[in-house]
N, C-alpha and C. Protein backbone atom coordinates (compact mmCIF):
# COMPACT_ATOMS: atom_id res chain seq x y z
N MET A 1 -20.47 5.47 -0.35
CA MET A 1 -19.03 5.78 0.15
C MET A 1 -17.90 5.55 -1.02
N THR A 2 -17.03 6.40 -0.92
CA THR A 2 -15.89 5.91 -2.15
C THR A 2 -15.06 4.73 -1.66
N PRO A 3 -14.50 4.23 -2.50
CA PRO A 3 -13.42 3.21 -2.04
C PRO A 3 -12.62 3.51 -0.97
N VAL A 4 -12.06 4.71 -1.20
CA VAL A 4 -11.11 5.17 -0.07
C VAL A 4 -11.83 5.39 1.28
N GLY A 5 -13.01 5.83 1.14
CA GLY A 5 -13.84 5.94 2.54
C GLY A 5 -14.01 4.50 3.07
N ILE A 6 -14.22 3.60 2.20
CA ILE A 6 -14.48 2.31 2.72
C ILE A 6 -13.27 1.74 3.79
N LEU A 7 -12.06 2.08 2.74
CA LEU A 7 -10.83 1.78 3.34
C LEU A 7 -10.45 2.01 4.66
N PHE A 8 -10.82 3.36 4.90
CA PHE A 8 -10.37 4.03 6.16
C PHE A 8 -11.38 3.77 7.29
N SER A 9 -12.54 2.94 6.98
CA SER A 9 -13.62 2.67 8.03
C SER A 9 -12.73 1.91 9.21
N SER A 10 -13.13 2.14 10.50
CA SER A 10 -12.46 1.31 11.67
C SER A 10 -12.88 -0.18 11.80
N THR A 11 -13.90 -0.49 10.85
CA THR A 11 -14.47 -1.81 11.08
C THR A 11 -13.85 -2.69 9.89
N ALA A 12 -12.87 -2.21 8.97
CA ALA A 12 -12.58 -2.81 7.94
C ALA A 12 -11.82 -3.94 8.31
N LYS A 13 -11.88 -5.19 7.77
CA LYS A 13 -11.49 -6.54 8.08
C LYS A 13 -10.50 -6.92 6.94
N CYS A 14 -9.48 -7.89 7.17
CA CYS A 14 -8.79 -8.53 6.24
C CYS A 14 -9.00 -10.11 6.41
N ASN A 15 -8.95 -10.93 5.28
CA ASN A 15 -9.14 -12.36 5.32
C ASN A 15 -7.80 -12.95 5.31
N ASN A 16 -7.44 -13.67 4.28
CA ASN A 16 -6.07 -14.46 4.08
C ASN A 16 -4.71 -13.58 4.24
N THR A 17 -4.75 -12.49 3.45
CA THR A 17 -3.56 -11.63 3.64
C THR A 17 -3.61 -10.61 4.57
N GLY A 18 -4.53 -10.33 5.40
CA GLY A 18 -4.51 -9.30 6.42
C GLY A 18 -3.96 -9.43 7.51
N PHE A 19 -4.04 -8.28 8.54
CA PHE A 19 -3.30 -8.47 9.83
C PHE A 19 -4.30 -8.88 11.00
N VAL A 20 -5.43 -9.49 10.47
CA VAL A 20 -6.27 -10.05 11.60
C VAL A 20 -6.23 -11.69 11.37
N ALA A 21 -5.13 -12.11 11.85
CA ALA A 21 -4.84 -13.60 11.66
C ALA A 21 -5.85 -14.58 12.48
N GLY A 22 -6.58 -15.30 11.75
CA GLY A 22 -7.46 -16.36 12.35
C GLY A 22 -8.40 -15.36 13.50
N GLY A 23 -8.73 -14.17 12.79
CA GLY A 23 -9.80 -13.44 13.48
C GLY A 23 -9.27 -12.83 14.97
N ILE A 24 -7.95 -13.13 15.35
CA ILE A 24 -7.47 -12.66 16.64
C ILE A 24 -6.35 -11.80 16.51
N PRO A 25 -6.48 -10.47 16.45
CA PRO A 25 -5.50 -9.48 16.27
C PRO A 25 -4.53 -9.51 17.53
N MET A 26 -3.27 -9.09 17.16
CA MET A 26 -2.43 -8.96 18.39
C MET A 26 -2.44 -7.93 19.16
N ARG A 27 -3.27 -6.90 18.80
CA ARG A 27 -3.51 -5.59 19.62
C ARG A 27 -4.75 -5.22 18.88
N LYS A 28 -5.50 -4.36 19.58
CA LYS A 28 -6.72 -3.70 19.14
C LYS A 28 -6.34 -2.53 17.88
N PHE A 29 -7.23 -2.85 16.94
CA PHE A 29 -6.70 -2.03 15.69
C PHE A 29 -7.84 -0.73 15.73
N SER A 30 -7.64 0.16 16.53
CA SER A 30 -8.59 1.28 16.54
C SER A 30 -7.98 2.38 15.56
N LEU A 31 -8.90 3.14 14.80
CA LEU A 31 -8.48 4.00 13.88
C LEU A 31 -8.02 5.23 14.60
N VAL A 32 -6.67 5.47 14.57
CA VAL A 32 -6.13 6.77 15.20
C VAL A 32 -5.86 7.92 14.40
N LEU A 33 -5.33 7.57 13.00
CA LEU A 33 -5.12 8.81 12.26
C LEU A 33 -6.31 8.78 11.30
N LEU A 34 -6.95 9.99 11.18
CA LEU A 34 -8.04 10.17 10.42
C LEU A 34 -7.78 10.68 9.09
N ILE A 35 -7.54 10.01 8.04
CA ILE A 35 -7.10 10.42 6.81
C ILE A 35 -8.14 10.51 5.83
N SER A 36 -8.72 11.90 5.42
CA SER A 36 -9.64 11.97 4.73
C SER A 36 -9.35 12.56 3.32
N LEU A 37 -8.13 12.59 3.01
CA LEU A 37 -7.60 13.07 1.85
C LEU A 37 -7.96 12.02 0.63
N ALA A 38 -8.10 10.85 0.89
CA ALA A 38 -9.01 9.94 0.13
C ALA A 38 -9.23 8.79 0.61
N PHE A 39 -6.33 7.50 -0.10
CA PHE A 39 -5.67 6.51 -0.21
C PHE A 39 -4.38 6.79 -0.71
N LEU A 40 7.61 -3.95 -5.23
CA LEU A 40 8.88 -3.38 -5.15
C LEU A 40 9.29 -4.39 -5.96
N VAL A 41 10.89 -8.47 -8.10
CA VAL A 41 11.17 -7.89 -8.46
C VAL A 41 12.49 -7.46 -8.70
N ALA A 42 13.69 -8.03 -9.11
CA ALA A 42 15.01 -7.11 -8.81
C ALA A 42 14.39 -5.80 -8.54
N LEU A 43 15.17 -5.01 -8.15
CA LEU A 43 14.73 -3.85 -7.43
C LEU A 43 13.71 -2.73 -8.09
N SER A 44 13.98 -2.93 -9.33
CA SER A 44 12.93 -1.83 -10.14
C SER A 44 11.75 -2.49 -10.40
N ASP A 45 11.63 -4.02 -10.25
CA ASP A 45 10.33 -4.64 -10.38
C ASP A 45 9.25 -4.29 -9.16
N ILE A 46 9.67 -3.98 -8.20
CA ILE A 46 8.80 -3.84 -7.23
C ILE A 46 7.78 -2.48 -7.57
N ALA A 47 8.55 -1.74 -8.11
CA ALA A 47 7.71 -0.55 -8.59
C ALA A 47 6.84 -0.76 -9.81
N ASP A 48 7.27 -1.86 -10.39
CA ASP A 48 6.30 -2.20 -11.66
C ASP A 48 6.29 -0.98 -12.63
N ALA A 49 7.54 -0.78 -12.90
CA ALA A 49 7.53 0.69 -13.83
C ALA A 49 6.68 0.78 -14.96
N GLU A 50 6.57 -0.33 -15.74
CA GLU A 50 5.78 -0.35 -16.97
C GLU A 50 4.47 -0.15 -16.92
N ASP A 51 3.80 -0.19 -15.78
CA ASP A 51 2.48 0.11 -15.28
C ASP A 51 2.15 1.25 -14.37
N SER A 52 3.23 1.95 -14.24
CA SER A 52 3.37 3.09 -13.32
C SER A 52 3.66 4.32 -13.89
N LEU A 53 3.31 5.52 -13.31
CA LEU A 53 3.51 6.91 -13.75
C LEU A 53 4.11 7.63 -12.56
N GLU A 54 5.10 8.38 -12.90
CA GLU A 54 5.93 9.13 -11.79
C GLU A 54 5.04 10.26 -11.12
N TYR A 55 5.11 10.33 -10.07
CA TYR A 55 4.23 11.63 -9.37
C TYR A 55 5.24 12.51 -8.60
N SER A 56 6.01 12.03 -7.73
CA SER A 56 7.05 12.92 -7.18
C SER A 56 8.05 12.04 -6.54
N ALA A 57 9.01 12.52 -5.74
CA ALA A 57 9.99 11.88 -5.02
C ALA A 57 10.47 12.53 -3.74
N VAL A 58 10.81 12.01 -2.61
CA VAL A 58 11.06 12.73 -1.61
C VAL A 58 12.29 11.53 -0.99
N GLY A 59 13.70 12.27 -1.06
CA GLY A 59 14.67 11.36 -0.68
C GLY A 59 14.75 10.27 -1.37
N ALA A 60 14.89 8.95 -0.80
CA ALA A 60 15.04 7.77 -1.49
C ALA A 60 13.55 7.11 -1.92
N TRP A 61 12.52 7.75 -1.35
CA TRP A 61 11.13 7.24 -1.74
C TRP A 61 10.82 7.78 -2.96
N LYS A 62 10.06 7.03 -3.70
CA LYS A 62 9.35 7.43 -5.00
C LYS A 62 7.79 7.25 -5.00
N ILE A 63 7.23 8.17 -5.37
CA ILE A 63 5.59 8.19 -5.33
C ILE A 63 5.17 7.83 -6.87
N ARG A 64 4.38 6.94 -6.97
CA ARG A 64 3.97 6.83 -8.39
C ARG A 64 2.49 6.30 -8.34
N ILE A 65 1.96 6.37 -9.65
CA ILE A 65 0.57 5.92 -9.55
C ILE A 65 0.60 4.54 -10.64
N ASP A 66 -0.06 3.61 -10.04
CA ASP A 66 -0.20 2.23 -10.62
C ASP A 66 -1.71 2.29 -11.62
N THR A 67 -1.53 2.27 -12.59
CA THR A 67 -2.78 2.25 -13.74
C THR A 67 -3.46 0.97 -13.64
N THR A 68 -2.70 -0.08 -13.19
CA THR A 68 -3.35 -1.33 -13.03
C THR A 68 -4.52 -1.67 -11.88
N LEU A 69 -4.20 -0.65 -10.79
CA LEU A 69 -5.08 -0.74 -9.67
C LEU A 69 -5.99 0.40 -9.55
N GLY A 70 -6.29 0.65 -10.70
CA GLY A 70 -7.64 1.95 -10.60
C GLY A 70 -7.03 3.21 -10.60
N ASN A 71 -5.64 3.59 -10.86
CA ASN A 71 -4.92 4.82 -10.68
C ASN A 71 -4.62 4.84 -9.07
N GLY A 72 -4.49 3.61 -8.28
CA GLY A 72 -3.95 3.70 -7.10
C GLY A 72 -2.38 4.42 -6.93
N CYS A 73 -2.37 5.25 -5.99
CA CYS A 73 -1.03 5.82 -5.80
C CYS A 73 -0.42 4.87 -4.63
N PHE A 74 1.26 4.89 -4.96
CA PHE A 74 1.95 4.09 -3.85
C PHE A 74 3.26 4.71 -3.72
N VAL A 75 3.89 4.52 -2.53
CA VAL A 75 5.24 4.73 -2.26
C VAL A 75 6.07 3.83 -2.15
N PHE A 76 7.63 3.75 -2.67
CA PHE A 76 8.46 2.78 -2.51
C PHE A 76 9.69 3.06 -2.45
N ALA A 77 10.60 2.40 -1.94
CA ALA A 77 12.16 2.74 -1.80
C ALA A 77 12.67 1.29 -1.81
N ASN A 78 13.87 1.42 -2.51
CA ASN A 78 14.90 0.29 -2.58
C ASN A 78 16.09 0.78 -1.39
N PHE A 79 16.57 -0.25 -0.82
CA PHE A 79 17.70 -0.19 0.34
C PHE A 79 18.79 -1.22 -0.12
N GLU A 80 19.81 -0.77 0.55
CA GLU A 80 21.22 -1.43 0.30
C GLU A 80 20.89 -2.77 0.83
N GLY A 81 21.43 -3.80 0.12
CA GLY A 81 21.32 -5.31 0.48
C GLY A 81 20.19 -5.87 -0.32
N GLY A 82 19.53 -5.11 -1.06
CA GLY A 82 18.53 -5.78 -1.96
C GLY A 82 17.16 -5.71 -1.32
N SER A 83 16.87 -5.02 -0.26
CA SER A 83 15.47 -4.93 0.38
C SER A 83 14.83 -3.63 -0.24
N ALA A 84 13.39 -4.00 -0.13
CA ALA A 84 12.39 -2.97 -0.80
C ALA A 84 11.28 -2.97 -0.15
N VAL A 85 10.61 -1.83 -0.09
CA VAL A 85 9.11 -1.70 0.62
C VAL A 85 8.40 -0.77 -0.44
N ARG A 86 7.12 -1.24 -0.51
CA ARG A 86 6.13 -0.57 -1.22
C ARG A 86 4.95 -0.48 -0.39
N VAL A 87 4.29 0.75 -0.37
CA VAL A 87 2.93 0.94 0.41
C VAL A 87 2.15 1.80 -0.32
N GLY A 88 0.67 1.25 -0.53
CA GLY A 88 -0.13 1.89 -1.42
C GLY A 88 -1.62 1.43 -1.40
N PHE A 89 -2.29 2.20 -2.32
CA PHE A 89 -3.74 1.88 -2.53
C PHE A 89 -4.09 0.95 -3.79
N ASP A 90 -4.91 0.17 -3.40
CA ASP A 90 -5.60 -0.66 -4.61
C ASP A 90 -7.04 -0.24 -4.67
N LEU A 91 -7.35 0.60 -5.64
CA LEU A 91 -8.54 1.19 -5.79
C LEU A 91 -9.72 0.05 -6.46
N LYS A 92 -9.17 -0.77 -7.17
CA LYS A 92 -9.82 -1.87 -7.59
C LYS A 92 -10.45 -2.77 -6.78
N LYS A 93 -9.60 -3.01 -5.74
CA LYS A 93 -10.17 -4.03 -4.63
C LYS A 93 -10.45 -3.21 -3.33
N SER A 94 -10.38 -1.77 -3.41
CA SER A 94 -10.86 -0.89 -2.35
C SER A 94 -9.97 -1.51 -1.03
N THR A 95 -8.49 -1.53 -1.25
CA THR A 95 -7.86 -2.00 -0.18
C THR A 95 -6.64 -1.11 0.07
N PHE A 96 -5.81 -1.28 0.98
CA PHE A 96 -4.72 -0.68 1.23
C PHE A 96 -3.58 -1.75 1.50
N TYR A 97 -2.41 -1.60 0.99
CA TYR A 97 -1.40 -2.96 1.07
C TYR A 97 -0.11 -2.49 1.38
N THR A 98 0.56 -3.54 1.60
CA THR A 98 2.22 -3.15 1.54
C THR A 98 2.71 -4.53 0.85
N ILE A 99 4.00 -4.12 0.19
CA ILE A 99 4.74 -5.23 -0.38
C ILE A 99 6.06 -5.14 0.06
N LEU A 100 6.64 -5.90 0.42
CA LEU A 100 8.15 -5.82 1.01
C LEU A 100 8.93 -7.16 0.89
N GLY A 101 10.24 -7.07 1.09
CA GLY A 101 10.98 -8.27 0.93
C GLY A 101 12.49 -7.76 0.54
N ASN A 102 13.28 -8.92 0.12
CA ASN A 102 14.61 -8.81 -0.24
C ASN A 102 14.76 -9.83 -1.35
N GLY A 103 15.68 -9.26 -2.32
CA GLY A 103 16.01 -10.10 -3.41
C GLY A 103 16.71 -11.49 -2.98
N LYS A 104 17.21 -11.41 -2.06
CA LYS A 104 17.90 -12.74 -1.52
C LYS A 104 16.97 -14.03 -0.91
N TRP A 105 15.66 -13.41 -0.77
CA TRP A 105 14.71 -14.46 -0.32
C TRP A 105 14.14 -15.13 -1.34
N LYS A 106 14.78 -15.93 -2.08
CA LYS A 106 14.29 -16.69 -3.38
C LYS A 106 13.49 -17.99 -3.08
N SER A 107 13.35 -18.21 -1.55
CA SER A 107 12.81 -19.41 -1.33
C SER A 107 11.12 -19.11 -0.97
N ILE A 108 10.79 -17.62 -1.21
CA ILE A 108 9.39 -17.46 -0.77
C ILE A 108 8.69 -18.23 -2.31
N GLU A 109 7.62 -18.70 -1.71
CA GLU A 109 6.85 -19.30 -2.84
C GLU A 109 5.48 -18.52 -3.13
N TYR A 110 5.33 -18.39 -4.54
CA TYR A 110 4.24 -17.81 -4.96
C TYR A 110 2.85 -18.20 -4.37
N GLY A 111 1.81 -17.59 -3.76
CA GLY A 111 0.80 -17.91 -3.32
C GLY A 111 0.73 -18.53 -1.88
N LYS A 112 1.84 -18.88 -1.50
CA LYS A 112 2.19 -19.54 0.00
C LYS A 112 1.96 -18.40 1.11
N THR A 113 1.33 -18.75 2.08
CA THR A 113 1.07 -17.83 3.12
C THR A 113 2.46 -17.97 4.17
N TYR A 114 2.85 -16.82 4.87
CA TYR A 114 3.91 -16.69 5.82
C TYR A 114 3.29 -15.75 6.87
N ASN A 115 3.38 -16.32 8.25
CA ASN A 115 2.98 -15.60 9.24
C ASN A 115 4.14 -14.74 9.72
N ILE A 116 4.02 -13.57 9.60
CA ILE A 116 5.15 -12.52 9.94
C ILE A 116 4.56 -11.27 11.01
N GLU A 117 5.54 -10.77 11.37
CA GLU A 117 5.15 -9.58 12.17
C GLU A 117 6.10 -8.42 11.75
N ILE A 118 5.27 -7.20 11.51
CA ILE A 118 6.01 -5.94 11.15
C ILE A 118 5.95 -5.10 12.33
N VAL A 119 7.08 -4.41 12.67
CA VAL A 119 7.29 -3.56 13.81
C VAL A 119 7.69 -2.25 13.49
N PHE A 120 6.98 -1.20 13.73
CA PHE A 120 7.37 0.21 13.38
C PHE A 120 8.08 0.81 14.75
N GLY A 121 9.22 1.12 14.67
CA GLY A 121 9.82 1.67 15.88
C GLY A 121 9.71 0.74 16.99
N ARG A 122 9.31 1.36 18.15
CA ARG A 122 9.01 0.42 19.32
C ARG A 122 7.32 0.37 19.70
N GLU A 123 6.72 0.51 18.60
CA GLU A 123 5.42 0.05 18.59
C GLU A 123 5.07 -1.12 18.71
N PRO A 124 3.75 -1.53 19.05
CA PRO A 124 3.48 -2.77 19.23
C PRO A 124 3.49 -3.62 17.59
N GLY A 125 3.84 -4.75 17.52
CA GLY A 125 3.72 -5.42 16.19
C GLY A 125 2.59 -5.76 15.55
N TRP A 126 2.46 -5.65 14.33
CA TRP A 126 1.47 -6.14 13.57
C TRP A 126 1.62 -7.55 12.89
N VAL A 127 0.70 -8.34 13.39
CA VAL A 127 0.94 -9.92 12.99
C VAL A 127 -0.28 -10.26 12.02
N GLY A 128 0.28 -11.06 11.11
CA GLY A 128 -0.62 -11.44 10.11
C GLY A 128 -0.05 -12.54 9.17
N ASP A 129 -0.81 -12.94 8.23
CA ASP A 129 -0.49 -13.94 7.02
C ASP A 129 -0.28 -13.11 5.86
N ALA A 130 1.17 -13.05 5.44
CA ALA A 130 1.45 -12.49 4.02
C ALA A 130 1.64 -13.38 3.04
N SER A 131 1.30 -13.20 1.88
CA SER A 131 1.08 -14.00 0.69
C SER A 131 2.50 -13.87 -0.35
N GLY A 132 3.07 -14.90 -0.72
CA GLY A 132 3.94 -14.80 -1.85
C GLY A 132 3.54 -14.28 -3.09
N PHE A 133 4.03 -13.21 -3.42
CA PHE A 133 3.50 -12.30 -4.48
C PHE A 133 4.63 -11.90 -5.52
N SER A 134 4.10 -11.95 -6.88
CA SER A 134 5.21 -11.61 -7.93
C SER A 134 4.21 -10.77 -8.89
N PHE A 135 5.00 -9.75 -9.54
CA PHE A 135 4.22 -9.07 -10.55
C PHE A 135 3.92 -9.77 -11.89
N ASP A 136 5.01 -10.73 -12.11
CA ASP A 136 4.73 -11.70 -13.34
C ASP A 136 5.30 -12.88 -13.02
N PRO A 137 4.51 -13.91 -12.15
CA PRO A 137 4.92 -15.08 -11.70
C PRO A 137 5.01 -15.97 -13.04
N PRO A 138 5.92 -17.01 -13.21
CA PRO A 138 6.86 -17.37 -12.00
C PRO A 138 8.30 -16.58 -12.36
N GLU A 139 8.49 -15.88 -13.48
CA GLU A 139 9.76 -15.36 -13.76
C GLU A 139 10.21 -14.48 -12.74
N ASN A 140 9.61 -13.56 -12.23
CA ASN A 140 9.92 -12.36 -11.31
C ASN A 140 10.41 -12.72 -9.95
N GLN A 141 11.09 -12.08 -9.30
CA GLN A 141 11.22 -12.14 -7.80
C GLN A 141 9.91 -12.16 -7.33
N THR A 142 9.79 -12.99 -6.04
CA THR A 142 8.57 -13.25 -5.37
C THR A 142 8.88 -12.37 -4.04
N TRP A 143 7.79 -11.81 -3.43
CA TRP A 143 7.91 -10.82 -2.43
C TRP A 143 6.71 -11.12 -1.55
N LEU A 144 6.68 -10.56 -0.48
CA LEU A 144 5.74 -10.67 0.59
C LEU A 144 4.57 -9.50 0.47
N TYR A 145 3.34 -9.97 0.36
CA TYR A 145 2.22 -9.11 0.06
C TYR A 145 1.18 -9.10 1.16
N LEU A 146 0.70 -8.03 1.63
CA LEU A 146 -0.25 -7.81 2.89
C LEU A 146 -1.14 -6.88 2.64
N GLU A 147 -2.53 -7.12 2.87
CA GLU A 147 -3.67 -6.36 2.92
C GLU A 147 -3.79 -5.75 4.20
N ILE A 148 -3.93 -4.33 4.46
CA ILE A 148 -3.94 -3.80 5.65
C ILE A 148 -5.42 -3.55 6.17
N GLY A 149 -5.79 -3.99 7.13
CA GLY A 149 -7.22 -3.74 7.46
C GLY A 149 -7.33 -2.46 8.16
N ASN A 150 -6.49 -2.00 8.87
CA ASN A 150 -6.53 -0.79 9.60
C ASN A 150 -5.41 0.23 9.10
N ALA A 151 -5.75 0.84 7.73
CA ALA A 151 -4.64 1.69 7.18
C ALA A 151 -4.35 2.96 7.90
N GLY A 152 -5.35 3.50 8.70
CA GLY A 152 -4.95 4.81 9.34
C GLY A 152 -3.83 4.49 10.32
N ASP A 153 -3.88 3.46 11.15
CA ASP A 153 -2.94 3.08 12.24
C ASP A 153 -1.48 2.93 11.58
N PHE A 154 -1.83 1.97 10.31
CA PHE A 154 -0.53 1.64 9.97
C PHE A 154 0.15 2.83 9.11
N MET A 155 -0.48 3.73 8.41
CA MET A 155 0.16 4.97 7.88
C MET A 155 0.74 5.83 8.90
N LYS A 156 0.07 5.93 9.97
CA LYS A 156 0.47 6.79 11.17
C LYS A 156 1.91 6.29 11.37
N GLU A 157 2.14 5.06 11.84
CA GLU A 157 3.26 4.48 12.36
C GLU A 157 4.41 4.53 10.99
N PHE A 158 4.04 4.23 9.85
CA PHE A 158 4.91 4.40 8.75
C PHE A 158 5.65 5.83 8.60
N MET A 159 4.84 6.89 8.76
CA MET A 159 5.19 8.19 8.71
C MET A 159 5.90 8.76 9.84
N GLN A 160 5.50 8.33 11.06
CA GLN A 160 6.17 8.87 12.40
C GLN A 160 7.36 8.21 12.84
N GLU A 161 7.36 6.79 12.69
CA GLU A 161 8.53 6.04 13.36
C GLU A 161 9.67 6.11 12.41
N GLN A 162 10.95 5.77 12.90
CA GLN A 162 12.11 5.81 12.37
C GLN A 162 12.61 4.47 11.70
N SER A 163 11.91 3.35 11.99
CA SER A 163 12.45 2.11 11.39
C SER A 163 11.25 1.30 11.27
N ILE A 164 11.63 0.23 10.34
CA ILE A 164 10.48 -0.83 10.18
C ILE A 164 11.30 -2.14 10.11
N ALA A 165 10.79 -3.14 11.00
CA ALA A 165 11.48 -4.43 11.12
C ALA A 165 10.47 -5.62 10.86
N VAL A 166 11.03 -6.40 10.22
CA VAL A 166 10.15 -7.67 9.95
C VAL A 166 10.58 -8.91 10.61
N ASN A 167 9.75 -9.66 11.21
CA ASN A 167 10.09 -10.82 12.22
C ASN A 167 9.31 -12.09 11.60
N TYR A 168 9.97 -13.27 11.60
CA TYR A 168 9.52 -14.42 10.96
C TYR A 168 10.05 -15.61 11.87
N LYS A 169 9.12 -16.36 12.34
CA LYS A 169 9.45 -17.34 13.38
C LYS A 169 10.31 -16.97 14.51
N GLU A 170 10.00 -15.78 15.05
CA GLU A 170 10.43 -15.36 16.09
C GLU A 170 11.91 -14.76 15.95
N ARG A 171 12.21 -14.40 14.67
CA ARG A 171 13.47 -13.90 14.66
C ARG A 171 13.42 -12.63 13.60
N GLU A 172 14.23 -11.73 13.88
CA GLU A 172 14.19 -10.44 13.07
C GLU A 172 14.90 -10.69 11.66
N ILE A 173 14.31 -10.59 10.48
CA ILE A 173 14.88 -11.00 9.37
C ILE A 173 15.07 -9.71 8.55
N LEU A 174 14.51 -8.55 8.80
CA LEU A 174 14.84 -7.44 8.24
C LEU A 174 14.36 -6.06 8.96
N ARG A 175 15.38 -5.03 9.02
CA ARG A 175 15.39 -3.92 9.65
C ARG A 175 15.85 -2.71 8.69
N LEU A 176 14.76 -1.66 8.32
CA LEU A 176 15.13 -0.51 7.53
C LEU A 176 14.97 0.69 8.21
N ASN A 177 15.71 1.62 7.65
CA ASN A 177 15.64 3.13 8.05
C ASN A 177 14.55 3.70 7.52
N LEU A 178 13.58 4.32 7.87
CA LEU A 178 12.38 5.02 7.36
C LEU A 178 12.60 6.75 7.17
N LYS A 179 13.93 6.96 6.85
CA LYS A 179 14.27 8.44 6.81
C LYS A 179 13.30 8.84 5.77
N ASP A 180 12.69 10.09 6.09
CA ASP A 180 11.79 10.87 5.05
C ASP A 180 10.54 10.20 4.88
N SER A 181 10.21 9.10 5.60
CA SER A 181 8.73 8.52 5.30
C SER A 181 7.71 9.50 5.79
N PHE A 182 7.82 10.59 6.57
CA PHE A 182 6.68 11.45 6.78
C PHE A 182 6.15 12.20 5.56
N GLN A 183 7.38 12.79 4.97
CA GLN A 183 7.02 13.69 3.84
C GLN A 183 6.55 12.65 2.72
N ALA A 184 7.01 11.50 2.64
CA ALA A 184 6.77 10.60 1.55
C ALA A 184 5.20 10.08 1.78
N GLY A 185 4.76 10.04 2.83
CA GLY A 185 3.51 9.54 3.13
C GLY A 185 2.65 10.64 2.99
N LEU A 186 2.82 11.98 3.15
CA LEU A 186 2.32 13.17 2.79
C LEU A 186 1.92 13.24 1.26
N GLN A 187 2.98 12.97 0.52
CA GLN A 187 2.99 13.14 -0.94
C GLN A 187 2.09 11.91 -1.46
N LEU A 188 2.01 10.60 -0.72
CA LEU A 188 1.32 9.52 -1.22
C LEU A 188 -0.19 9.93 -1.20
N LEU A 189 -0.48 10.52 0.04
CA LEU A 189 -1.80 10.91 0.30
C LEU A 189 -2.35 12.13 -0.67
N GLU A 190 -1.46 13.14 -1.01
CA GLU A 190 -1.85 14.16 -1.90
C GLU A 190 -1.99 13.66 -3.40
N CYS A 191 -1.27 12.53 -3.64
CA CYS A 191 -1.44 11.92 -4.99
C CYS A 191 -2.65 11.37 -5.14
N GLN A 192 -3.02 10.47 -4.02
CA GLN A 192 -4.15 9.71 -4.17
C GLN A 192 -5.49 10.83 -4.27
N LYS A 193 -5.17 11.94 -3.43
CA LYS A 193 -6.50 12.94 -3.52
C LYS A 193 -6.59 13.28 -4.95
N ALA A 194 -5.45 13.76 -5.57
CA ALA A 194 -5.42 14.17 -6.84
C ALA A 194 -6.07 13.24 -7.82
N MET A 195 -5.63 11.97 -7.70
CA MET A 195 -6.18 10.76 -8.85
C MET A 195 -7.70 10.75 -8.49
N ASN A 196 -8.38 10.92 -7.17
CA ASN A 196 -9.76 10.71 -6.90
C ASN A 196 -10.54 12.00 -7.61
N GLU A 197 -9.99 13.11 -7.46
CA GLU A 197 -10.61 14.38 -7.88
C GLU A 197 -10.64 14.42 -9.28
N SER A 198 -9.46 13.65 -10.16
CA SER A 198 -9.61 13.62 -11.57
C SER A 198 -10.45 12.79 -12.00
N LYS A 199 -11.21 11.91 -11.27
CA LYS A 199 -12.20 11.01 -11.82
C LYS A 199 -13.63 11.81 -11.89
N GLN A 200 -13.74 12.94 -11.40
CA GLN A 200 -14.99 13.75 -11.44
C GLN A 200 -14.92 14.40 -12.77
N ASP A 201 -16.18 14.76 -13.27
CA ASP A 201 -16.65 15.24 -14.72
C ASP A 201 -17.14 16.63 -14.31
N PRO A 202 -16.16 17.61 -14.39
CA PRO A 202 -16.80 19.01 -14.28
C PRO A 202 -17.41 19.69 -15.51
N PHE A 203 -17.52 18.90 -16.65
CA PHE A 203 -18.33 19.31 -17.65
C PHE A 203 -19.81 19.03 -17.69
N LYS A 204 -20.14 17.90 -16.97
CA LYS A 204 -21.48 17.58 -16.97
C LYS A 204 -22.13 18.39 -16.03
N GLU A 205 -22.64 19.52 -16.36
CA GLU A 205 -23.39 20.54 -15.46
C GLU A 205 -24.91 20.16 -15.38
N SER A 206 -25.34 19.72 -16.67
CA SER A 206 -26.93 19.74 -16.80
C SER A 206 -27.36 18.49 -16.64
N ALA A 207 -28.62 18.37 -15.90
CA ALA A 207 -29.33 17.11 -15.86
C ALA A 207 -29.82 16.56 -17.18
N GLY A 208 -29.91 17.25 -18.06
CA GLY A 208 -30.28 16.73 -19.43
C GLY A 208 -29.22 16.45 -20.38
N ALA A 209 -27.96 16.44 -19.78
CA ALA A 209 -26.82 15.89 -20.70
C ALA A 209 -27.15 14.21 -20.78
N THR A 210 -26.57 13.67 -21.88
CA THR A 210 -26.90 12.48 -22.13
C THR A 210 -25.47 11.66 -22.02
N ASP A 211 -25.53 10.38 -22.00
CA ASP A 211 -24.19 9.49 -21.71
C ASP A 211 -23.40 9.71 -23.19
N ASP A 212 -24.17 9.88 -24.13
CA ASP A 212 -23.70 9.74 -25.51
C ASP A 212 -22.87 11.14 -25.87
N ASP A 213 -23.47 12.29 -25.39
CA ASP A 213 -23.03 13.60 -25.65
C ASP A 213 -23.20 14.43 -24.36
N PRO A 214 -22.25 14.43 -23.50
CA PRO A 214 -22.15 15.07 -22.20
C PRO A 214 -22.40 16.52 -22.47
N PHE A 215 -22.25 17.13 -23.82
CA PHE A 215 -22.10 18.55 -23.87
C PHE A 215 -23.39 19.05 -24.34
N LYS A 216 -24.41 18.06 -24.68
CA LYS A 216 -25.66 18.40 -25.33
C LYS A 216 -26.76 19.06 -24.07
N GLN A 217 -27.20 20.24 -24.35
CA GLN A 217 -28.00 20.76 -23.40
C GLN A 217 -29.46 20.69 -23.95
N ASN A 218 -30.40 20.52 -23.11
CA ASN A 218 -31.81 20.40 -23.49
C ASN A 218 -32.42 21.75 -23.48
């Protein structure tokens, strides 16, 4: 099974940074959206531009390829007030993740966990332990990083709902408009499908080909 195939299994579990906190999810995480296409910081940092390649853009959303994550694609957007959201695939770890936060949240500690709730529109909330994360600790901004155990449901809500909110200690600390997230999500999946297909070798046609010379025919 490919890394992405593993990712979209309905039995996928997360440990420290997933949405199955203490083994007791807030709701049943059943796989609703079947995605077989495969899989933010001052504001520019959340995209980690030096290690990413541009793929496309939809409205405020940018779709890129992270070369440090096994060519995992991700989508991100920066918002007014210093907030940012990134959602994508980590093919090195065979996981799906989100990174989010606000540049004003300078008290977030790298490596520390924070129990938060993410709510798309009026859907039930996703509750789990997020980890303080930085692309280049300790110099850069620290964000909240979560690995998503049920990527199908998460992507479905990200693409279909109009807003995303983050609650911490029973208080809403962030609310953002998800305009154009449906098309951005489609571009994310298309990007990952293309990256997965690019790993195939169409030239190695003969069983007699060797690792040293794939063009050698017996």
